[in-house]
Amino acid sequence: LPVLIDLSDLTYCDSTGITVLIGADRRASETGAPLVLVGV
């Protein structure tokens, strides 16, 4: 179940936002799911 997080239209990201993305990566790693950040 690949998960792509499309950030193409993100206009601002602070440390809290980065922490959310790290959490997504942690969850993907724990489950073996491919995770890709798109449009950074």
PDB file of all heavy atoms in Angstrom:
ATOM      1  N   LEU A   1       0.833  -1.203   0.000  1.00  0.00           N
ATOM      2  CA  LEU A   1       0.000   0.000   0.000  1.00  0.00           C
ATOM      3  C   LEU A   1       0.873   1.260   0.000  1.00  0.00           C
ATOM      4  O   LEU A   1       1.054   1.898   1.036  1.00  0.00           O
ATOM      5  CB  LEU A   1      -0.918   0.015   1.234  1.00  0.00           C
ATOM      6  CG  LEU A   1      -1.858  -1.166   1.393  1.00  0.00           C
ATOM      7  CD1 LEU A   1      -2.505  -1.152   2.766  1.00  0.00           C
ATOM      8  CD2 LEU A   1      -2.916  -1.150   0.306  1.00  0.00           C
ATOM      9  N   PRO A   2       1.412   1.658  -1.144  1.00  0.00           N
ATOM     10  CA  PRO A   2       2.245   2.856  -1.185  1.00  0.00           C
ATOM     11  C   PRO A   2       1.436   4.099  -0.808  1.00  0.00           C
ATOM     12  O   PRO A   2       0.270   4.233  -1.168  1.00  0.00           O
ATOM     13  CB  PRO A   2       2.710   2.955  -2.638  1.00  0.00           C
ATOM     14  CG  PRO A   2       2.309   1.686  -3.296  1.00  0.00           C
ATOM     15  CD  PRO A   2       1.287   1.030  -2.449  1.00  0.00           C
ATOM     16  N   VAL A   3       2.087   4.989  -0.069  1.00  0.00           N
ATOM     17  CA  VAL A   3       1.478   6.261   0.316  1.00  0.00           C
ATOM     18  C   VAL A   3       2.356   7.386  -0.219  1.00  0.00           C
ATOM     19  O   VAL A   3       3.562   7.429   0.044  1.00  0.00           O
ATOM     20  CB  VAL A   3       1.331   6.375   1.850  1.00  0.00           C
ATOM     21  CG1 VAL A   3       0.779   7.742   2.236  1.00  0.00           C
ATOM     22  CG2 VAL A   3       0.441   5.259   2.393  1.00  0.00           C
ATOM     23  N   LEU A   4       1.744   8.267  -0.983  1.00  0.00           N
ATOM     24  CA  LEU A   4       2.434   9.429  -1.527  1.00  0.00           C
ATOM     25  C   LEU A   4       1.862  10.659  -0.847  1.00  0.00           C
ATOM     26  O   LEU A   4       0.647  10.842  -0.834  1.00  0.00           O
ATOM     27  CB  LEU A   4       2.212   9.536  -3.041  1.00  0.00           C
ATOM     28  CG  LEU A   4       2.390   8.264  -3.861  1.00  0.00           C
ATOM     29  CD1 LEU A   4       2.100   8.538  -5.325  1.00  0.00           C
ATOM     30  CD2 LEU A   4       3.772   7.699  -3.680  1.00  0.00           C
ATOM     31  N   ILE A   5       2.722  11.472  -0.266  1.00  0.00           N
ATOM     32  CA  ILE A   5       2.267  12.728   0.319  1.00  0.00           C
ATOM     33  C   ILE A   5       2.668  13.830  -0.649  1.00  0.00           C
ATOM     34  O   ILE A   5       3.851  14.125  -0.817  1.00  0.00           O
ATOM     35  CB  ILE A   5       2.855  12.962   1.729  1.00  0.00           C
ATOM     36  CG1 ILE A   5       2.452  11.809   2.663  1.00  0.00           C
ATOM     37  CG2 ILE A   5       2.352  14.303   2.280  1.00  0.00           C
ATOM     38  CD1 ILE A   5       2.995  11.919   4.068  1.00  0.00           C
ATOM     39  N   ASP A   6       1.662  14.393  -1.308  1.00  0.00           N
ATOM     40  CA  ASP A   6       1.882  15.400  -2.338  1.00  0.00           C
ATOM     41  C   ASP A   6       1.909  16.785  -1.707  1.00  0.00           C
ATOM     42  O   ASP A   6       0.884  17.301  -1.261  1.00  0.00           O
ATOM     43  CB  ASP A   6       0.786  15.307  -3.392  1.00  0.00           C
ATOM     44  CG  ASP A   6       1.021  16.228  -4.580  1.00  0.00           C
ATOM     45  OD1 ASP A   6       1.993  17.022  -4.549  1.00  0.00           O
ATOM     46  OD2 ASP A   6       0.228  16.161  -5.533  1.00  0.00           O
ATOM     47  N   LEU A   7       3.106  17.364  -1.667  1.00  0.00           N
ATOM     48  CA  LEU A   7       3.316  18.676  -1.046  1.00  0.00           C
ATOM     49  C   LEU A   7       3.456  19.782  -2.088  1.00  0.00           C
ATOM     50  O   LEU A   7       3.912  20.877  -1.763  1.00  0.00           O
ATOM     51  CB  LEU A   7       4.567  18.621  -0.154  1.00  0.00           C
ATOM     52  CG  LEU A   7       4.539  17.542   0.937  1.00  0.00           C
ATOM     53  CD1 LEU A   7       5.881  17.482   1.657  1.00  0.00           C
ATOM     54  CD2 LEU A   7       3.413  17.782   1.915  1.00  0.00           C
ATOM     55  N   SER A   8       3.044  19.514  -3.311  1.00  0.00           N
ATOM     56  CA  SER A   8       3.194  20.479  -4.403  1.00  0.00           C
ATOM     57  C   SER A   8       2.565  21.833  -4.099  1.00  0.00           C
ATOM     58  O   SER A   8       3.067  22.863  -4.537  1.00  0.00           O
ATOM     59  CB  SER A   8       2.566  19.929  -5.689  1.00  0.00           C
ATOM     60  OG  SER A   8       3.172  18.733  -6.057  1.00  0.00           O
ATOM     61  N   ASP A   9       1.450  21.824  -3.373  1.00  0.00           N
ATOM     62  CA  ASP A   9       0.737  23.063  -3.078  1.00  0.00           C
ATOM     63  C   ASP A   9       0.938  23.541  -1.645  1.00  0.00           C
ATOM     64  O   ASP A   9       0.186  24.392  -1.154  1.00  0.00           O
ATOM     65  CB  ASP A   9      -0.754  22.894  -3.389  1.00  0.00           C
ATOM     66  CG  ASP A   9      -1.007  22.699  -4.870  1.00  0.00           C
ATOM     67  OD1 ASP A   9      -0.310  23.347  -5.685  1.00  0.00           O
ATOM     68  OD2 ASP A   9      -1.890  21.895  -5.223  1.00  0.00           O
ATOM     69  N   LEU A  10       1.953  23.002  -0.979  1.00  0.00           N
ATOM     70  CA  LEU A  10       2.278  23.456   0.374  1.00  0.00           C
ATOM     71  C   LEU A  10       3.012  24.790   0.270  1.00  0.00           C
ATOM     72  O   LEU A  10       3.976  24.918  -0.471  1.00  0.00           O
ATOM     73  CB  LEU A  10       3.168  22.420   1.064  1.00  0.00           C
ATOM     74  CG  LEU A  10       3.405  22.613   2.548  1.00  0.00           C
ATOM     75  CD1 LEU A  10       2.121  22.393   3.330  1.00  0.00           C
ATOM     76  CD2 LEU A  10       4.478  21.645   3.032  1.00  0.00           C
ATOM     77  N   THR A  11       2.538  25.782   1.006  1.00  0.00           N
ATOM     78  CA  THR A  11       3.153  27.104   0.937  1.00  0.00           C
ATOM     79  C   THR A  11       4.034  27.410   2.133  1.00  0.00           C
ATOM     80  O   THR A  11       4.860  28.329   2.082  1.00  0.00           O
ATOM     81  CB  THR A  11       2.073  28.203   0.820  1.00  0.00           C
ATOM     82  OG1 THR A  11       1.177  28.102   1.937  1.00  0.00           O
ATOM     83  CG2 THR A  11       1.302  28.065  -0.483  1.00  0.00           C
ATOM     84  N   TYR A  12       3.875  26.659   3.225  1.00  0.00           N
ATOM     85  CA  TYR A  12       4.655  26.899   4.438  1.00  0.00           C
ATOM     86  C   TYR A  12       4.664  25.625   5.261  1.00  0.00           C
ATOM     87  O   TYR A  12       3.664  24.899   5.326  1.00  0.00           O
ATOM     88  CB  TYR A  12       4.018  28.039   5.248  1.00  0.00           C
ATOM     89  CG  TYR A  12       4.708  28.289   6.567  1.00  0.00           C
ATOM     90  CD1 TYR A  12       5.894  29.011   6.626  1.00  0.00           C
ATOM     91  CD2 TYR A  12       4.185  27.779   7.746  1.00  0.00           C
ATOM     92  CE1 TYR A  12       6.540  29.234   7.839  1.00  0.00           C
ATOM     93  CE2 TYR A  12       4.828  28.002   8.969  1.00  0.00           C
ATOM     94  CZ  TYR A  12       5.993  28.722   8.993  1.00  0.00           C
ATOM     95  OH  TYR A  12       6.636  28.937  10.183  1.00  0.00           O
ATOM     96  N   CYS A  13       5.782  25.347   5.907  1.00  0.00           N
ATOM     97  CA  CYS A  13       5.889  24.189   6.792  1.00  0.00           C
ATOM     98  C   CYS A  13       6.847  24.530   7.922  1.00  0.00           C
ATOM     99  O   CYS A  13       7.999  24.874   7.679  1.00  0.00           O
ATOM    100  CB  CYS A  13       6.390  22.969   6.016  1.00  0.00           C
ATOM    101  SG  CYS A  13       6.457  21.456   6.981  1.00  0.00           S
ATOM    102  N   ASP A  14       6.357  24.447   9.160  1.00  0.00           N
ATOM    103  CA  ASP A  14       7.231  24.700  10.301  1.00  0.00           C
ATOM    104  C   ASP A  14       7.666  23.368  10.923  1.00  0.00           C
ATOM    105  O   ASP A  14       7.407  22.298  10.366  1.00  0.00           O
ATOM    106  CB  ASP A  14       6.567  25.645  11.312  1.00  0.00           C
ATOM    107  CG  ASP A  14       5.436  25.010  12.104  1.00  0.00           C
ATOM    108  OD1 ASP A  14       5.143  23.802  11.926  1.00  0.00           O
ATOM    109  OD2 ASP A  14       4.827  25.730  12.927  1.00  0.00           O
ATOM    110  N   SER A  15       8.303  23.437  12.069  1.00  0.00           N
ATOM    111  CA  SER A  15       8.831  22.222  12.699  1.00  0.00           C
ATOM    112  C   SER A  15       7.729  21.248  13.085  1.00  0.00           C
ATOM    113  O   SER A  15       7.938  20.027  13.052  1.00  0.00           O
ATOM    114  CB  SER A  15       9.676  22.579  13.917  1.00  0.00           C
ATOM    115  OG  SER A  15       8.900  23.268  14.884  1.00  0.00           O
ATOM    116  N   THR A  16       6.562  21.749  13.424  1.00  0.00           N
ATOM    117  CA  THR A  16       5.446  20.856  13.747  1.00  0.00           C
ATOM    118  C   THR A  16       5.044  20.068  12.512  1.00  0.00           C
ATOM    119  O   THR A  16       4.794  18.859  12.581  1.00  0.00           O
ATOM    120  CB  THR A  16       4.245  21.655  14.290  1.00  0.00           C
ATOM    121  OG1 THR A  16       4.662  22.421  15.416  1.00  0.00           O
ATOM    122  CG2 THR A  16       3.112  20.729  14.701  1.00  0.00           C
ATOM    123  N   GLY A  17       5.001  20.728  11.371  1.00  0.00           N
ATOM    124  CA  GLY A  17       4.679  20.047  10.124  1.00  0.00           C
ATOM    125  C   GLY A  17       5.710  18.992   9.775  1.00  0.00           C
ATOM    126  O   GLY A  17       5.365  17.882   9.337  1.00  0.00           O
ATOM    127  N   ILE A  18       6.966  19.327   9.972  1.00  0.00           N
ATOM    128  CA  ILE A  18       8.037  18.359   9.710  1.00  0.00           C
ATOM    129  C   ILE A  18       7.891  17.155  10.632  1.00  0.00           C
ATOM    130  O   ILE A  18       8.072  16.013  10.217  1.00  0.00           O
ATOM    131  CB  ILE A  18       9.417  19.027   9.834  1.00  0.00           C
ATOM    132  CG1 ILE A  18       9.615  20.009   8.668  1.00  0.00           C
ATOM    133  CG2 ILE A  18      10.537  17.987   9.868  1.00  0.00           C
ATOM    134  CD1 ILE A  18      10.841  20.875   8.773  1.00  0.00           C
ATOM    135  N   THR A  19       7.506  17.398  11.882  1.00  0.00           N
ATOM    136  CA  THR A  19       7.292  16.308  12.829  1.00  0.00           C
ATOM    137  C   THR A  19       6.163  15.392  12.367  1.00  0.00           C
ATOM    138  O   THR A  19       6.255  14.159  12.505  1.00  0.00           O
ATOM    139  CB  THR A  19       6.997  16.871  14.230  1.00  0.00           C
ATOM    140  OG1 THR A  19       8.114  17.664  14.651  1.00  0.00           O
ATOM    141  CG2 THR A  19       6.748  15.774  15.240  1.00  0.00           C
ATOM    142  N   VAL A  20       5.109  15.950  11.793  1.00  0.00           N
ATOM    143  CA  VAL A  20       4.017  15.136  11.256  1.00  0.00           C
ATOM    144  C   VAL A  20       4.540  14.237  10.133  1.00  0.00           C
ATOM    145  O   VAL A  20       4.210  13.047  10.070  1.00  0.00           O
ATOM    146  CB  VAL A  20       2.865  16.029  10.755  1.00  0.00           C
ATOM    147  CG1 VAL A  20       1.818  15.200  10.001  1.00  0.00           C
ATOM    148  CG2 VAL A  20       2.217  16.765  11.917  1.00  0.00           C
ATOM    149  N   LEU A  21       5.367  14.792   9.260  1.00  0.00           N
ATOM    150  CA  LEU A  21       5.928  14.005   8.160  1.00  0.00           C
ATOM    151  C   LEU A  21       6.852  12.905   8.678  1.00  0.00           C
ATOM    152  O   LEU A  21       6.844  11.780   8.161  1.00  0.00           O
ATOM    153  CB  LEU A  21       6.662  14.921   7.178  1.00  0.00           C
ATOM    154  CG  LEU A  21       5.777  15.957   6.473  1.00  0.00           C
ATOM    155  CD1 LEU A  21       6.638  16.908   5.650  1.00  0.00           C
ATOM    156  CD2 LEU A  21       4.708  15.284   5.626  1.00  0.00           C
ATOM    157  N   ILE A  22       7.624  13.201   9.700  1.00  0.00           N
ATOM    158  CA  ILE A  22       8.482  12.185  10.320  1.00  0.00           C
ATOM    159  C   ILE A  22       7.626  11.070  10.921  1.00  0.00           C
ATOM    160  O   ILE A  22       7.948   9.888  10.807  1.00  0.00           O
ATOM    161  CB  ILE A  22       9.417  12.806  11.377  1.00  0.00           C
ATOM    162  CG1 ILE A  22      10.445  13.714  10.700  1.00  0.00           C
ATOM    163  CG2 ILE A  22      10.101  11.728  12.210  1.00  0.00           C
ATOM    164  CD1 ILE A  22      11.246  14.571  11.665  1.00  0.00           C
ATOM    165  N   GLY A  23       6.509  11.446  11.533  1.00  0.00           N
ATOM    166  CA  GLY A  23       5.585  10.449  12.074  1.00  0.00           C
ATOM    167  C   GLY A  23       5.026   9.542  10.991  1.00  0.00           C
ATOM    168  O   GLY A  23       4.877   8.327  11.189  1.00  0.00           O
ATOM    169  N   ALA A  24       4.719  10.119   9.828  1.00  0.00           N
ATOM    170  CA  ALA A  24       4.238   9.316   8.704  1.00  0.00           C
ATOM    171  C   ALA A  24       5.324   8.346   8.257  1.00  0.00           C
ATOM    172  O   ALA A  24       5.042   7.173   7.960  1.00  0.00           O
ATOM    173  CB  ALA A  24       3.818  10.219   7.550  1.00  0.00           C
ATOM    174  N   ASP A  25       6.564   8.821   8.209  1.00  0.00           N
ATOM    175  CA  ASP A  25       7.672   7.946   7.827  1.00  0.00           C
ATOM    176  C   ASP A  25       7.855   6.816   8.840  1.00  0.00           C
ATOM    177  O   ASP A  25       8.073   5.668   8.456  1.00  0.00           O
ATOM    178  CB  ASP A  25       8.967   8.747   7.692  1.00  0.00           C
ATOM    179  CG  ASP A  25      10.108   7.849   7.271  1.00  0.00           C
ATOM    180  OD1 ASP A  25      10.148   7.471   6.082  1.00  0.00           O
ATOM    181  OD2 ASP A  25      10.941   7.508   8.136  1.00  0.00           O
ATOM    182  N   ARG A  26       7.739   7.144  10.102  1.00  0.00           N
ATOM    183  CA  ARG A  26       7.882   6.117  11.150  1.00  0.00           C
ATOM    184  C   ARG A  26       6.802   5.043  10.981  1.00  0.00           C
ATOM    185  O   ARG A  26       7.079   3.841  11.037  1.00  0.00           O
ATOM    186  CB  ARG A  26       7.789   6.757  12.533  1.00  0.00           C
ATOM    187  CG  ARG A  26       8.031   5.771  13.663  1.00  0.00           C
ATOM    188  CD  ARG A  26       8.044   6.424  15.033  1.00  0.00           C
ATOM    189  NE  ARG A  26       9.052   7.462  15.101  1.00  0.00           N
ATOM    190  CZ  ARG A  26       8.800   8.740  15.407  1.00  0.00           C
ATOM    191  NH1 ARG A  26       7.577   9.122  15.670  1.00  0.00           N
ATOM    192  NH2 ARG A  26       9.766   9.625  15.463  1.00  0.00           N
ATOM    193  N   ARG A  27       5.577   5.489  10.746  1.00  0.00           N
ATOM    194  CA  ARG A  27       4.476   4.532  10.567  1.00  0.00           C
ATOM    195  C   ARG A  27       4.703   3.679   9.325  1.00  0.00           C
ATOM    196  O   ARG A  27       4.472   2.464   9.340  1.00  0.00           O
ATOM    197  CB  ARG A  27       3.166   5.292  10.471  1.00  0.00           C
ATOM    198  CG  ARG A  27       1.989   4.372  10.365  1.00  0.00           C
ATOM    199  CD  ARG A  27       0.758   4.953  10.997  1.00  0.00           C
ATOM    200  NE  ARG A  27      -0.322   4.017  10.781  1.00  0.00           N
ATOM    201  CZ  ARG A  27      -1.461   4.321  10.199  1.00  0.00           C
ATOM    202  NH1 ARG A  27      -1.696   5.557   9.817  1.00  0.00           N
ATOM    203  NH2 ARG A  27      -2.391   3.414  10.029  1.00  0.00           N
ATOM    204  N   ALA A  28       5.154   4.299   8.241  1.00  0.00           N
ATOM    205  CA  ALA A  28       5.432   3.550   7.019  1.00  0.00           C
ATOM    206  C   ALA A  28       6.534   2.519   7.263  1.00  0.00           C
ATOM    207  O   ALA A  28       6.420   1.372   6.829  1.00  0.00           O
ATOM    208  CB  ALA A  28       5.821   4.505   5.897  1.00  0.00           C
ATOM    209  N   SER A  29       7.573   2.915   7.965  1.00  0.00           N
ATOM    210  CA  SER A  29       8.681   1.995   8.252  1.00  0.00           C
ATOM    211  C   SER A  29       8.218   0.816   9.096  1.00  0.00           C
ATOM    212  O   SER A  29       8.612  -0.328   8.845  1.00  0.00           O
ATOM    213  CB  SER A  29       9.807   2.730   8.975  1.00  0.00           C
ATOM    214  OG  SER A  29      10.388   3.681   8.136  1.00  0.00           O
ATOM    215  N   GLU A  30       7.389   1.078  10.088  1.00  0.00           N
ATOM    216  CA  GLU A  30       6.901   0.018  10.973  1.00  0.00           C
ATOM    217  C   GLU A  30       6.043  -0.995  10.238  1.00  0.00           C
ATOM    218  O   GLU A  30       5.983  -2.160  10.626  1.00  0.00           O
ATOM    219  CB  GLU A  30       6.095   0.621  12.129  1.00  0.00           C
ATOM    220  CG  GLU A  30       6.939   1.384  13.121  1.00  0.00           C
ATOM    221  CD  GLU A  30       6.109   2.179  14.126  1.00  0.00           C
ATOM    222  OE1 GLU A  30       4.860   2.252  13.983  1.00  0.00           O
ATOM    223  OE2 GLU A  30       6.720   2.742  15.047  1.00  0.00           O
ATOM    224  N   THR A  31       5.367  -0.561   9.185  1.00  0.00           N
ATOM    225  CA  THR A  31       4.445  -1.441   8.459  1.00  0.00           C
ATOM    226  C   THR A  31       5.018  -1.944   7.140  1.00  0.00           C
ATOM    227  O   THR A  31       4.373  -2.729   6.452  1.00  0.00           O
ATOM    228  CB  THR A  31       3.119  -0.710   8.176  1.00  0.00           C
ATOM    229  OG1 THR A  31       3.388   0.438   7.374  1.00  0.00           O
ATOM    230  CG2 THR A  31       2.429  -0.305   9.468  1.00  0.00           C
ATOM    231  N   GLY A  32       6.204  -1.457   6.760  1.00  0.00           N
ATOM    232  CA  GLY A  32       6.810  -1.853   5.497  1.00  0.00           C
ATOM    233  C   GLY A  32       6.197  -1.177   4.286  1.00  0.00           C
ATOM    234  O   GLY A  32       6.367  -1.628   3.162  1.00  0.00           O
ATOM    235  N   ALA A  33       5.469  -0.098   4.521  1.00  0.00           N
ATOM    236  CA  ALA A  33       4.812   0.614   3.419  1.00  0.00           C
ATOM    237  C   ALA A  33       5.774   1.577   2.739  1.00  0.00           C
ATOM    238  O   ALA A  33       6.493   2.307   3.413  1.00  0.00           O
ATOM    239  CB  ALA A  33       3.610   1.399   3.944  1.00  0.00           C
ATOM    240  N   PRO A  34       5.766   1.608   1.414  1.00  0.00           N
ATOM    241  CA  PRO A  34       6.535   2.642   0.721  1.00  0.00           C
ATOM    242  C   PRO A  34       5.901   4.006   0.986  1.00  0.00           C
ATOM    243  O   PRO A  34       4.681   4.148   0.927  1.00  0.00           O
ATOM    244  CB  PRO A  34       6.402   2.264  -0.756  1.00  0.00           C
ATOM    245  CG  PRO A  34       5.901   0.857  -0.777  1.00  0.00           C
ATOM    246  CD  PRO A  34       5.137   0.663   0.491  1.00  0.00           C
ATOM    247  N   LEU A  35       6.725   5.003   1.301  1.00  0.00           N
ATOM    248  CA  LEU A  35       6.261   6.371   1.514  1.00  0.00           C
ATOM    249  C   LEU A  35       7.130   7.290   0.675  1.00  0.00           C
ATOM    250  O   LEU A  35       8.367   7.207   0.738  1.00  0.00           O
ATOM    251  CB  LEU A  35       6.359   6.776   2.984  1.00  0.00           C
ATOM    252  CG  LEU A  35       5.987   8.221   3.288  1.00  0.00           C
ATOM    253  CD1 LEU A  35       4.480   8.437   3.174  1.00  0.00           C
ATOM    254  CD2 LEU A  35       6.455   8.619   4.679  1.00  0.00           C
ATOM    255  N   VAL A  36       6.493   8.150  -0.103  1.00  0.00           N
ATOM    256  CA  VAL A  36       7.217   9.085  -0.960  1.00  0.00           C
ATOM    257  C   VAL A  36       6.647  10.473  -0.751  1.00  0.00           C
ATOM    258  O   VAL A  36       5.431  10.659  -0.755  1.00  0.00           O
ATOM    259  CB  VAL A  36       7.090   8.689  -2.457  1.00  0.00           C
ATOM    260  CG1 VAL A  36       7.870   9.658  -3.335  1.00  0.00           C
ATOM    261  CG2 VAL A  36       7.546   7.254  -2.686  1.00  0.00           C
ATOM    262  N   LEU A  37       7.536  11.446  -0.551  1.00  0.00           N
ATOM    263  CA  LEU A  37       7.125  12.850  -0.527  1.00  0.00           C
ATOM    264  C   LEU A  37       7.250  13.385  -1.940  1.00  0.00           C
ATOM    265  O   LEU A  37       8.294  13.249  -2.578  1.00  0.00           O
ATOM    266  CB  LEU A  37       7.995  13.665   0.425  1.00  0.00           C
ATOM    267  CG  LEU A  37       7.988  13.256   1.897  1.00  0.00           C
ATOM    268  CD1 LEU A  37       8.784  14.252   2.732  1.00  0.00           C
ATOM    269  CD2 LEU A  37       6.583  13.096   2.439  1.00  0.00           C
ATOM    270  N   VAL A  38       6.193  14.004  -2.410  1.00  0.00           N
ATOM    271  CA  VAL A  38       6.098  14.443  -3.803  1.00  0.00           C
ATOM    272  C   VAL A  38       6.009  15.968  -3.862  1.00  0.00           C
ATOM    273  O   VAL A  38       5.333  16.587  -3.044  1.00  0.00           O
ATOM    274  CB  VAL A  38       4.844  13.820  -4.461  1.00  0.00           C
ATOM    275  CG1 VAL A  38       4.629  14.375  -5.849  1.00  0.00           C
ATOM    276  CG2 VAL A  38       4.956  12.303  -4.481  1.00  0.00           C
ATOM    277  N   GLY A  39       6.689  16.548  -4.848  1.00  0.00           N
ATOM    278  CA  GLY A  39       6.540  17.975  -5.112  1.00  0.00           C
ATOM    279  C   GLY A  39       7.097  18.890  -4.040  1.00  0.00           C
ATOM    280  O   GLY A  39       6.585  19.992  -3.848  1.00  0.00           O
ATOM    281  N   VAL A  40       8.140  18.463  -3.363  1.00  0.00           N
ATOM    282  CA  VAL A  40       8.735  19.282  -2.307  1.00  0.00           C
ATOM    283  C   VAL A  40       9.415  20.495  -2.944  1.00  0.00           C
ATOM    284  O   VAL A  40      10.215  20.351  -3.876  1.00  0.00           O
ATOM    285  CB  VAL A  40       9.741  18.454  -1.478  1.00  0.00           C
ATOM    286  CG1 VAL A  40      10.448  19.313  -0.449  1.00  0.00           C
ATOM    287  CG2 VAL A  40       9.031  17.280  -0.812  1.00  0.00           C
TER     288      VAL A  40
END
